[in-house]
Amino acid sequence: MKRASTTPENITDTPVGTPDYRSKAPSQAEATAEAPASIELRDEKPPRTIGTIPRWLMCWNLIVTLLFMIGLLLAMTLIAYPYSHGESILEHLLGR
């Protein structure tokens, strides 16, 4: 019984009846003739727009973060720790 060869020429992963578009790569001469001289891959607008963070945004970021931290600290001092005898969460964490 003859076994089928598993060389790359005999292996296909495309369904029967569909064209195989993976033809050989173009030669160096063809690639050079088709490629433009220079390709501009970067645009100036996005780095200019995204590059700097507005000052007011940094200020509000700091204010909101500080208010959140102060709120957490207040909650820790005012809310009683569950399953305790009236001690706050902060007192429980400090071990008093």
PDB file of N, CA and C in Angstrom:
ATOM      1  N   MET A   1       0.851  -1.169   0.000  1.00  0.00           N
ATOM      2  CA  MET A   1       0.000   0.000   0.000  1.00  0.00           C
ATOM      3  C   MET A   1       0.899   1.236   0.000  1.00  0.00           C
ATOM      4  N   LYS A   2       0.657   2.135  -0.881  1.00  0.00           N
ATOM      5  CA  LYS A   2       1.483   3.328  -1.029  1.00  0.00           C
ATOM      6  C   LYS A   2       0.928   4.435  -0.138  1.00  0.00           C
ATOM      7  N   ARG A   3       1.816   5.082   0.642  1.00  0.00           N
ATOM      8  CA  ARG A   3       1.410   6.181   1.534  1.00  0.00           C
ATOM      9  C   ARG A   3       1.514   7.505   0.785  1.00  0.00           C
ATOM     10  N   ALA A   4       0.613   8.405   1.122  1.00  0.00           N
ATOM     11  CA  ALA A   4       0.641   9.728   0.499  1.00  0.00           C
ATOM     12  C   ALA A   4       1.793  10.532   1.088  1.00  0.00           C
ATOM     13  N   SER A   5       2.436  11.267   0.245  1.00  0.00           N
ATOM     14  CA  SER A   5       3.540  12.096   0.695  1.00  0.00           C
ATOM     15  C   SER A   5       2.997  13.322   1.430  1.00  0.00           C
ATOM     16  N   THR A   6       3.701  13.765   2.465  1.00  0.00           N
ATOM     17  CA  THR A   6       3.263  14.931   3.232  1.00  0.00           C
ATOM     18  C   THR A   6       4.155  16.135   2.975  1.00  0.00           C
ATOM     19  N   THR A   7       4.657  16.230   1.791  1.00  0.00           N
ATOM     20  CA  THR A   7       5.468  17.387   1.452  1.00  0.00           C
ATOM     21  C   THR A   7       4.558  18.593   1.263  1.00  0.00           C
ATOM     22  N   PRO A   8       5.070  19.811   1.395  1.00  0.00           N
ATOM     23  CA  PRO A   8       4.236  21.009   1.276  1.00  0.00           C
ATOM     24  C   PRO A   8       3.476  21.112  -0.036  1.00  0.00           C
ATOM     25  N   GLU A   9       3.972  20.482  -1.105  1.00  0.00           N
ATOM     26  CA  GLU A   9       3.263  20.557  -2.382  1.00  0.00           C
ATOM     27  C   GLU A   9       1.943  19.787  -2.334  1.00  0.00           C
ATOM     28  N   ASN A  10       1.885  18.740  -1.510  1.00  0.00           N
ATOM     29  CA  ASN A  10       0.692  17.897  -1.457  1.00  0.00           C
ATOM     30  C   ASN A  10      -0.282  18.304  -0.362  1.00  0.00           C
ATOM     31  N   ILE A  11       0.106  19.189   0.539  1.00  0.00           N
ATOM     32  CA  ILE A  11      -0.762  19.588   1.641  1.00  0.00           C
ATOM     33  C   ILE A  11      -1.528  20.839   1.243  1.00  0.00           C
ATOM     34  N   THR A  12      -2.845  20.776   1.324  1.00  0.00           N
ATOM     35  CA  THR A  12      -3.672  21.948   1.054  1.00  0.00           C
ATOM     36  C   THR A  12      -4.682  22.081   2.173  1.00  0.00           C
ATOM     37  N   ASP A  13      -4.898  23.291   2.630  1.00  0.00           N
ATOM     38  CA  ASP A  13      -5.891  23.514   3.675  1.00  0.00           C
ATOM     39  C   ASP A  13      -7.087  24.294   3.154  1.00  0.00           C
ATOM     40  N   THR A  14      -7.172  24.466   1.849  1.00  0.00           N
ATOM     41  CA  THR A  14      -8.328  25.150   1.277  1.00  0.00           C
ATOM     42  C   THR A  14      -9.325  24.100   0.817  1.00  0.00           C
ATOM     43  N   PRO A  15     -10.611  24.375   0.955  1.00  0.00           N
ATOM     44  CA  PRO A  15     -11.619  23.414   0.496  1.00  0.00           C
ATOM     45  C   PRO A  15     -11.529  23.201  -1.002  1.00  0.00           C
ATOM     46  N   VAL A  16     -12.013  22.065  -1.422  1.00  0.00           N
ATOM     47  CA  VAL A  16     -11.980  21.720  -2.843  1.00  0.00           C
ATOM     48  C   VAL A  16     -12.869  22.695  -3.606  1.00  0.00           C
ATOM     49  N   GLY A  17     -12.379  23.186  -4.695  1.00  0.00           N
ATOM     50  CA  GLY A  17     -13.155  24.075  -5.543  1.00  0.00           C
ATOM     51  C   GLY A  17     -12.882  25.551  -5.295  1.00  0.00           C
ATOM     52  N   THR A  18     -12.168  25.902  -4.234  1.00  0.00           N
ATOM     53  CA  THR A  18     -11.853  27.308  -3.991  1.00  0.00           C
ATOM     54  C   THR A  18     -10.469  27.593  -4.542  1.00  0.00           C
ATOM     55  N   PRO A  19     -10.298  28.756  -5.145  1.00  0.00           N
ATOM     56  CA  PRO A  19      -8.979  29.071  -5.708  1.00  0.00           C
ATOM     57  C   PRO A  19      -7.957  29.310  -4.600  1.00  0.00           C
ATOM     58  N   ASP A  20      -6.735  28.972  -4.846  1.00  0.00           N
ATOM     59  CA  ASP A  20      -5.642  29.176  -3.894  1.00  0.00           C
ATOM     60  C   ASP A  20      -4.951  30.486  -4.245  1.00  0.00           C
ATOM     61  N   TYR A  21      -5.130  31.483  -3.401  1.00  0.00           N
ATOM     62  CA  TYR A  21      -4.544  32.793  -3.663  1.00  0.00           C
ATOM     63  C   TYR A  21      -3.135  32.928  -3.114  1.00  0.00           C
ATOM     64  N   ARG A  22      -2.644  31.889  -2.504  1.00  0.00           N
ATOM     65  CA  ARG A  22      -1.301  31.945  -1.946  1.00  0.00           C
ATOM     66  C   ARG A  22      -0.281  31.546  -3.006  1.00  0.00           C
ATOM     67  N   SER A  23      -0.227  32.297  -4.027  1.00  0.00           N
ATOM     68  CA  SER A  23       0.738  31.996  -5.085  1.00  0.00           C
ATOM     69  C   SER A  23       2.116  32.436  -4.622  1.00  0.00           C
ATOM     70  N   LYS A  24       3.095  32.117  -5.402  1.00  0.00           N
ATOM     71  CA  LYS A  24       4.458  32.461  -5.012  1.00  0.00           C
ATOM     72  C   LYS A  24       4.626  33.979  -4.906  1.00  0.00           C
ATOM     73  N   ALA A  25       5.544  34.381  -4.074  1.00  0.00           N
ATOM     74  CA  ALA A  25       5.802  35.800  -3.858  1.00  0.00           C
ATOM     75  C   ALA A  25       6.368  36.423  -5.124  1.00  0.00           C
ATOM     76  N   PRO A  26       6.089  37.710  -5.354  1.00  0.00           N
ATOM     77  CA  PRO A  26       6.635  38.356  -6.557  1.00  0.00           C
ATOM     78  C   PRO A  26       8.154  38.441  -6.471  1.00  0.00           C
ATOM     79  N   SER A  27       8.772  38.440  -7.618  1.00  0.00           N
ATOM     80  CA  SER A  27      10.229  38.525  -7.653  1.00  0.00           C
ATOM     81  C   SER A  27      10.673  39.911  -7.185  1.00  0.00           C
ATOM     82  N   GLN A  28      11.956  40.051  -6.928  1.00  0.00           N
ATOM     83  CA  GLN A  28      12.505  41.316  -6.443  1.00  0.00           C
ATOM     84  C   GLN A  28      12.262  42.435  -7.447  1.00  0.00           C
ATOM     85  N   ALA A  29      12.377  42.141  -8.726  1.00  0.00           N
ATOM     86  CA  ALA A  29      12.180  43.162  -9.762  1.00  0.00           C
ATOM     87  C   ALA A  29      10.725  43.612  -9.788  1.00  0.00           C
ATOM     88  N   GLU A  30       9.781  42.665  -9.655  1.00  0.00           N
ATOM     89  CA  GLU A  30       8.365  43.020  -9.655  1.00  0.00           C
ATOM     90  C   GLU A  30       8.006  43.842  -8.421  1.00  0.00           C
ATOM     91  N   ALA A  31       8.538  43.449  -7.272  1.00  0.00           N
ATOM     92  CA  ALA A  31       8.235  44.162  -6.027  1.00  0.00           C
ATOM     93  C   ALA A  31       8.779  45.586  -6.071  1.00  0.00           C
ATOM     94  N   THR A  32       9.965  45.779  -6.622  1.00  0.00           N
ATOM     95  CA  THR A  32      10.554  47.107  -6.698  1.00  0.00           C
ATOM     96  C   THR A  32       9.792  47.989  -7.678  1.00  0.00           C
ATOM     97  N   ALA A  33       9.330  47.400  -8.769  1.00  0.00           N
ATOM     98  CA  ALA A  33       8.622  48.174  -9.777  1.00  0.00           C
ATOM     99  C   ALA A  33       7.258  48.645  -9.264  1.00  0.00           C
ATOM    100  N   GLU A  34       6.587  47.855  -8.418  1.00  0.00           N
ATOM    101  CA  GLU A  34       5.253  48.190  -7.943  1.00  0.00           C
ATOM    102  C   GLU A  34       5.250  49.080  -6.704  1.00  0.00           C
ATOM    103  N   ALA A  35       6.287  49.024  -5.899  1.00  0.00           N
ATOM    104  CA  ALA A  35       6.312  49.762  -4.635  1.00  0.00           C
ATOM    105  C   ALA A  35       6.613  51.240  -4.883  1.00  0.00           C
ATOM    106  N   PRO A  36       5.893  52.145  -4.206  1.00  0.00           N
ATOM    107  CA  PRO A  36       6.209  53.568  -4.332  1.00  0.00           C
ATOM    108  C   PRO A  36       7.543  53.891  -3.662  1.00  0.00           C
ATOM    109  N   ALA A  37       8.088  55.044  -3.992  1.00  0.00           N
ATOM    110  CA  ALA A  37       9.404  55.424  -3.482  1.00  0.00           C
ATOM    111  C   ALA A  37       9.389  55.600  -1.960  1.00  0.00           C
ATOM    112  N   SER A  38       8.387  56.278  -1.429  1.00  0.00           N
ATOM    113  CA  SER A  38       8.308  56.455   0.018  1.00  0.00           C
ATOM    114  C   SER A  38       6.849  56.388   0.445  1.00  0.00           C
ATOM    115  N   ILE A  39       6.629  55.791   1.593  1.00  0.00           N
ATOM    116  CA  ILE A  39       5.277  55.659   2.125  1.00  0.00           C
ATOM    117  C   ILE A  39       5.211  56.432   3.437  1.00  0.00           C
ATOM    118  N   GLU A  40       4.245  57.315   3.558  1.00  0.00           N
ATOM    119  CA  GLU A  40       4.051  58.085   4.780  1.00  0.00           C
ATOM    120  C   GLU A  40       3.133  57.289   5.698  1.00  0.00           C
ATOM    121  N   LEU A  41       3.678  56.766   6.805  1.00  0.00           N
ATOM    122  CA  LEU A  41       2.905  55.922   7.706  1.00  0.00           C
ATOM    123  C   LEU A  41       2.349  56.676   8.904  1.00  0.00           C
ATOM    124  N   ARG A  42       2.802  57.877   9.154  1.00  0.00           N
ATOM    125  CA  ARG A  42       2.366  58.616  10.335  1.00  0.00           C
ATOM    126  C   ARG A  42       1.720  59.928   9.947  1.00  0.00           C
ATOM    127  N   ASP A  43       0.711  60.276  10.714  1.00  0.00           N
ATOM    128  CA  ASP A  43       0.017  61.538  10.506  1.00  0.00           C
ATOM    129  C   ASP A  43       0.397  62.468  11.655  1.00  0.00           C
ATOM    130  N   GLU A  44       0.418  63.741  11.430  1.00  0.00           N
ATOM    131  CA  GLU A  44       0.826  64.707  12.449  1.00  0.00           C
ATOM    132  C   GLU A  44      -0.276  65.007  13.460  1.00  0.00           C
ATOM    133  N   LYS A  45      -1.553  64.889  13.071  1.00  0.00           N
ATOM    134  CA  LYS A  45      -2.651  65.287  13.956  1.00  0.00           C
ATOM    135  C   LYS A  45      -2.790  64.452  15.226  1.00  0.00           C
ATOM    136  N   PRO A  46      -2.822  63.108  15.169  1.00  0.00           N
ATOM    137  CA  PRO A  46      -3.044  62.349  16.408  1.00  0.00           C
ATOM    138  C   PRO A  46      -2.023  62.624  17.514  1.00  0.00           C
ATOM    139  N   PRO A  47      -0.709  62.620  17.241  1.00  0.00           N
ATOM    140  CA  PRO A  47       0.218  62.922  18.337  1.00  0.00           C
ATOM    141  C   PRO A  47       0.034  64.334  18.898  1.00  0.00           C
ATOM    142  N   ARG A  48      -0.317  65.265  18.027  1.00  0.00           N
ATOM    143  CA  ARG A  48      -0.519  66.638  18.482  1.00  0.00           C
ATOM    144  C   ARG A  48      -1.772  66.732  19.341  1.00  0.00           C
ATOM    145  N   THR A  49      -2.824  65.988  18.991  1.00  0.00           N
ATOM    146  CA  THR A  49      -4.075  66.031  19.736  1.00  0.00           C
ATOM    147  C   THR A  49      -3.985  65.219  21.016  1.00  0.00           C
ATOM    148  N   ILE A  50      -3.459  64.018  20.936  1.00  0.00           N
ATOM    149  CA  ILE A  50      -3.420  63.112  22.079  1.00  0.00           C
ATOM    150  C   ILE A  50      -2.200  63.368  22.957  1.00  0.00           C
ATOM    151  N   GLY A  51      -1.163  63.942  22.408  1.00  0.00           N
ATOM    152  CA  GLY A  51       0.116  64.056  23.092  1.00  0.00           C
ATOM    153  C   GLY A  51       0.106  64.823  24.399  1.00  0.00           C
ATOM    154  N   THR A  52      -0.717  65.837  24.564  1.00  0.00           N
ATOM    155  CA  THR A  52      -0.702  66.622  25.789  1.00  0.00           C
ATOM    156  C   THR A  52      -2.022  66.454  26.536  1.00  0.00           C
ATOM    157  N   ILE A  53      -1.935  66.312  27.859  1.00  0.00           N
ATOM    158  CA  ILE A  53      -3.126  66.203  28.695  1.00  0.00           C
ATOM    159  C   ILE A  53      -3.467  67.610  29.174  1.00  0.00           C
ATOM    160  N   PRO A  54      -4.716  68.040  29.004  1.00  0.00           N
ATOM    161  CA  PRO A  54      -5.089  69.393  29.429  1.00  0.00           C
ATOM    162  C   PRO A  54      -4.900  69.589  30.929  1.00  0.00           C
ATOM    163  N   ARG A  55      -4.527  70.800  31.301  1.00  0.00           N
ATOM    164  CA  ARG A  55      -4.255  71.125  32.708  1.00  0.00           C
ATOM    165  C   ARG A  55      -5.505  70.978  33.570  1.00  0.00           C
ATOM    166  N   TRP A  56      -6.676  71.384  33.055  1.00  0.00           N
ATOM    167  CA  TRP A  56      -7.899  71.294  33.834  1.00  0.00           C
ATOM    168  C   TRP A  56      -8.264  69.839  34.125  1.00  0.00           C
ATOM    169  N   LEU A  57      -7.933  68.920  33.193  1.00  0.00           N
ATOM    170  CA  LEU A  57      -8.222  67.516  33.411  1.00  0.00           C
ATOM    171  C   LEU A  57      -7.351  66.944  34.522  1.00  0.00           C
ATOM    172  N   MET A  58      -6.104  67.334  34.563  1.00  0.00           N
ATOM    173  CA  MET A  58      -5.214  66.886  35.632  1.00  0.00           C
ATOM    174  C   MET A  58      -5.682  67.415  36.988  1.00  0.00           C
ATOM    175  N   CYS A  59      -6.141  68.666  37.013  1.00  0.00           N
ATOM    176  CA  CYS A  59      -6.620  69.271  38.255  1.00  0.00           C
ATOM    177  C   CYS A  59      -7.858  68.537  38.770  1.00  0.00           C
ATOM    178  N   TRP A  60      -8.830  68.298  37.898  1.00  0.00           N
ATOM    179  CA  TRP A  60     -10.044  67.595  38.312  1.00  0.00           C
ATOM    180  C   TRP A  60      -9.756  66.147  38.687  1.00  0.00           C
ATOM    181  N   ASN A  61      -8.806  65.530  38.032  1.00  0.00           N
ATOM    182  CA  ASN A  61      -8.410  64.176  38.371  1.00  0.00           C
ATOM    183  C   ASN A  61      -7.890  64.129  39.806  1.00  0.00           C
ATOM    184  N   LEU A  62      -7.057  65.070  40.168  1.00  0.00           N
ATOM    185  CA  LEU A  62      -6.510  65.142  41.518  1.00  0.00           C
ATOM    186  C   LEU A  62      -7.611  65.408  42.546  1.00  0.00           C
ATOM    187  N   ILE A  63      -8.509  66.318  42.253  1.00  0.00           N
ATOM    188  CA  ILE A  63      -9.589  66.657  43.178  1.00  0.00           C
ATOM    189  C   ILE A  63     -10.509  65.460  43.411  1.00  0.00           C
ATOM    190  N   VAL A  64     -10.913  64.793  42.353  1.00  0.00           N
ATOM    191  CA  VAL A  64     -11.817  63.640  42.484  1.00  0.00           C
ATOM    192  C   VAL A  64     -11.130  62.507  43.242  1.00  0.00           C
ATOM    193  N   THR A  65      -9.855  62.264  42.969  1.00  0.00           N
ATOM    194  CA  THR A  65      -9.124  61.205  43.671  1.00  0.00           C
ATOM    195  C   THR A  65      -9.013  61.521  45.158  1.00  0.00           C
ATOM    196  N   LEU A  66      -8.694  62.766  45.500  1.00  0.00           N
ATOM    197  CA  LEU A  66      -8.595  63.144  46.913  1.00  0.00           C
ATOM    198  C   LEU A  66      -9.944  63.037  47.618  1.00  0.00           C
ATOM    199  N   LEU A  67     -11.023  63.471  46.976  1.00  0.00           N
ATOM    200  CA  LEU A  67     -12.353  63.344  47.579  1.00  0.00           C
ATOM    201  C   LEU A  67     -12.737  61.881  47.783  1.00  0.00           C
ATOM    202  N   PHE A  68     -12.386  61.027  46.858  1.00  0.00           N
ATOM    203  CA  PHE A  68     -12.658  59.603  46.998  1.00  0.00           C
ATOM    204  C   PHE A  68     -11.896  59.022  48.187  1.00  0.00           C
ATOM    205  N   MET A  69     -10.634  59.376  48.325  1.00  0.00           N
ATOM    206  CA  MET A  69      -9.819  58.869  49.441  1.00  0.00           C
ATOM    207  C   MET A  69     -10.338  59.379  50.782  1.00  0.00           C
ATOM    208  N   ILE A  70     -10.728  60.641  50.844  1.00  0.00           N
ATOM    209  CA  ILE A  70     -11.282  61.205  52.083  1.00  0.00           C
ATOM    210  C   ILE A  70     -12.600  60.512  52.421  1.00  0.00           C
ATOM    211  N   GLY A  71     -13.426  60.233  51.401  1.00  0.00           N
ATOM    212  CA  GLY A  71     -14.680  59.517  51.618  1.00  0.00           C
ATOM    213  C   GLY A  71     -14.444  58.119  52.164  1.00  0.00           C
ATOM    214  N   LEU A  72     -13.445  57.421  51.646  1.00  0.00           N
ATOM    215  CA  LEU A  72     -13.116  56.092  52.176  1.00  0.00           C
ATOM    216  C   LEU A  72     -12.654  56.172  53.624  1.00  0.00           C
ATOM    217  N   LEU A  73     -11.845  57.160  53.950  1.00  0.00           N
ATOM    218  CA  LEU A  73     -11.372  57.323  55.320  1.00  0.00           C
ATOM    219  C   LEU A  73     -12.533  57.628  56.268  1.00  0.00           C
ATOM    220  N   LEU A  74     -13.447  58.491  55.837  1.00  0.00           N
ATOM    221  CA  LEU A  74     -14.631  58.784  56.657  1.00  0.00           C
ATOM    222  C   LEU A  74     -15.496  57.537  56.847  1.00  0.00           C
ATOM    223  N   ALA A  75     -15.668  56.773  55.805  1.00  0.00           N
ATOM    224  CA  ALA A  75     -16.459  55.544  55.917  1.00  0.00           C
ATOM    225  C   ALA A  75     -15.818  54.569  56.885  1.00  0.00           C
ATOM    226  N   MET A  76     -14.493  54.494  56.872  1.00  0.00           N
ATOM    227  CA  MET A  76     -13.797  53.586  57.784  1.00  0.00           C
ATOM    228  C   MET A  76     -13.948  54.011  59.236  1.00  0.00           C
ATOM    229  N   THR A  77     -14.065  55.310  59.478  1.00  0.00           N
ATOM    230  CA  THR A  77     -14.181  55.772  60.862  1.00  0.00           C
ATOM    231  C   THR A  77     -15.627  55.782  61.352  1.00  0.00           C
ATOM    232  N   LEU A  78     -16.594  55.883  60.455  1.00  0.00           N
ATOM    233  CA  LEU A  78     -17.985  56.008  60.879  1.00  0.00           C
ATOM    234  C   LEU A  78     -18.768  54.697  60.836  1.00  0.00           C
ATOM    235  N   ILE A  79     -18.431  53.789  59.940  1.00  0.00           N
ATOM    236  CA  ILE A  79     -19.177  52.545  59.808  1.00  0.00           C
ATOM    237  C   ILE A  79     -18.632  51.528  60.794  1.00  0.00           C
ATOM    238  N   ALA A  80     -19.537  50.882  61.517  1.00  0.00           N
ATOM    239  CA  ALA A  80     -19.133  49.879  62.499  1.00  0.00           C
ATOM    240  C   ALA A  80     -18.701  48.599  61.793  1.00  0.00           C
ATOM    241  N   TYR A  81     -17.688  47.963  62.352  1.00  0.00           N
ATOM    242  CA  TYR A  81     -17.200  46.705  61.808  1.00  0.00           C
ATOM    243  C   TYR A  81     -18.226  45.616  62.104  1.00  0.00           C
ATOM    244  N   PRO A  82     -18.579  44.795  61.120  1.00  0.00           N
ATOM    245  CA  PRO A  82     -19.571  43.749  61.367  1.00  0.00           C
ATOM    246  C   PRO A  82     -19.059  42.710  62.371  1.00  0.00           C
ATOM    247  N   TYR A  83     -19.952  42.176  63.156  1.00  0.00           N
ATOM    248  CA  TYR A  83     -19.641  41.156  64.170  1.00  0.00           C
ATOM    249  C   TYR A  83     -18.688  41.685  65.235  1.00  0.00           C
ATOM    250  N   SER A  84     -18.827  42.950  65.569  1.00  0.00           N
ATOM    251  CA  SER A  84     -17.992  43.527  66.627  1.00  0.00           C
ATOM    252  C   SER A  84     -18.901  44.201  67.642  1.00  0.00           C
ATOM    253  N   HIS A  85     -18.310  44.757  68.676  1.00  0.00           N
ATOM    254  CA  HIS A  85     -19.067  45.416  69.739  1.00  0.00           C
ATOM    255  C   HIS A  85     -18.998  46.927  69.586  1.00  0.00           C
ATOM    256  N   GLY A  86     -19.340  47.434  68.418  1.00  0.00           N
ATOM    257  CA  GLY A  86     -19.428  48.864  68.193  1.00  0.00           C
ATOM    258  C   GLY A  86     -18.151  49.540  67.739  1.00  0.00           C
ATOM    259  N   GLU A  87     -17.088  48.786  67.503  1.00  0.00           N
ATOM    260  CA  GLU A  87     -15.856  49.437  67.046  1.00  0.00           C
ATOM    261  C   GLU A  87     -15.960  49.722  65.552  1.00  0.00           C
ATOM    262  N   SER A  88     -15.285  50.780  65.110  1.00  0.00           N
ATOM    263  CA  SER A  88     -15.301  51.126  63.690  1.00  0.00           C
ATOM    264  C   SER A  88     -14.317  50.238  62.924  1.00  0.00           C
ATOM    265  N   ILE A  89     -14.398  50.325  61.608  1.00  0.00           N
ATOM    266  CA  ILE A  89     -13.496  49.521  60.763  1.00  0.00           C
ATOM    267  C   ILE A  89     -12.054  49.932  61.010  1.00  0.00           C
ATOM    268  N   LEU A  90     -11.806  51.232  61.144  1.00  0.00           N
ATOM    269  CA  LEU A  90     -10.459  51.726  61.395  1.00  0.00           C
ATOM    270  C   LEU A  90      -9.923  51.225  62.735  1.00  0.00           C
ATOM    271  N   GLU A  91     -10.771  51.262  63.759  1.00  0.00           N
ATOM    272  CA  GLU A  91     -10.353  50.757  65.083  1.00  0.00           C
ATOM    273  C   GLU A  91     -10.047  49.266  65.014  1.00  0.00           C
ATOM    274  N   HIS A  92     -10.847  48.551  64.250  1.00  0.00           N
ATOM    275  CA  HIS A  92     -10.589  47.120  64.109  1.00  0.00           C
ATOM    276  C   HIS A  92      -9.268  46.862  63.387  1.00  0.00           C
ATOM    277  N   LEU A  93      -8.989  47.643  62.328  1.00  0.00           N
ATOM    278  CA  LEU A  93      -7.740  47.465  61.591  1.00  0.00           C
ATOM    279  C   LEU A  93      -6.519  47.837  62.411  1.00  0.00           C
ATOM    280  N   LEU A  94      -6.669  48.859  63.270  1.00  0.00           N
ATOM    281  CA  LEU A  94      -5.542  49.283  64.116  1.00  0.00           C
ATOM    282  C   LEU A  94      -5.372  48.391  65.329  1.00  0.00           C
ATOM    283  N   GLY A  95      -6.383  47.577  65.628  1.00  0.00           N
ATOM    284  CA  GLY A  95      -6.285  46.631  66.742  1.00  0.00           C
ATOM    285  C   GLY A  95      -6.576  47.240  68.102  1.00  0.00           C
ATOM    286  N   ARG A  96      -7.361  48.273  68.196  1.00  0.00           N
ATOM    287  CA  ARG A  96      -7.663  48.896  69.482  1.00  0.00           C
ATOM    288  C   ARG A  96      -8.831  48.230  70.158  1.00  0.00           C
TER     289      ARG A  96
END
